[in-house]
Amino acid sequence: METLTTDLQVAQIIIIRILVSFILGVLIGIERGISHKAVGFRTLSLVCVGSTGFTLISIYGFQGVDTSRVAAQIVTGIGFLGAGAILHRGYITKGLTTATALWVAAAVGMACGTGMFVLAFVITLMSLILLWVLKPFKIHLDRMLDNGNGKSSKKKSSEDEE
């Protein structure tokens, strides 16, 4: 009976961690969706939940081995996904912020997978502040810099081209 109780406790921990990861991934992804980016809430939620899943597998699936190897491979794999989201055309680069959103979603998922919910919430909050709250400030700053150089350039910065 002890095994059943232990299994149910582990199942409860896993379900909670996956659900928190899903919700936080959706929150980060909503901003990308509102901004009409190709990578939206579904993709970022999947990255977040997938990272949580891999982290949980490394914790509970492999006993007596170095579980940090899986974490290192998650970071590498997300790096490849992010590289695919970045497009270069001449002097314009698109997709940098979307690529970093993928990376951040993976970090949130890994934090949820290890039960570090405070870290996951703080990362999500900081991401949303950067993506939503500070976006108007960034646009205003870009305009000030363009006008300060005597330019009224309509050329967008790399980050605006995401």
Foldseek 3Di string as FASTA:
>chain_A
DVVVVVVVVLVVLLVVLLVLLLVLLQLLQCLCVVVVHPRHSVNLSCLLNVLLVQLLCLVPVDPPDPSCVSVVVSLVVLLVVQVVQWDDDPPAIARNLVSVSSNLSSVLSNCSSVVVNVVSVVSSVVSCCVSPVCPVVVVVVVCCVCVVVVHNDPDDHNHVRD
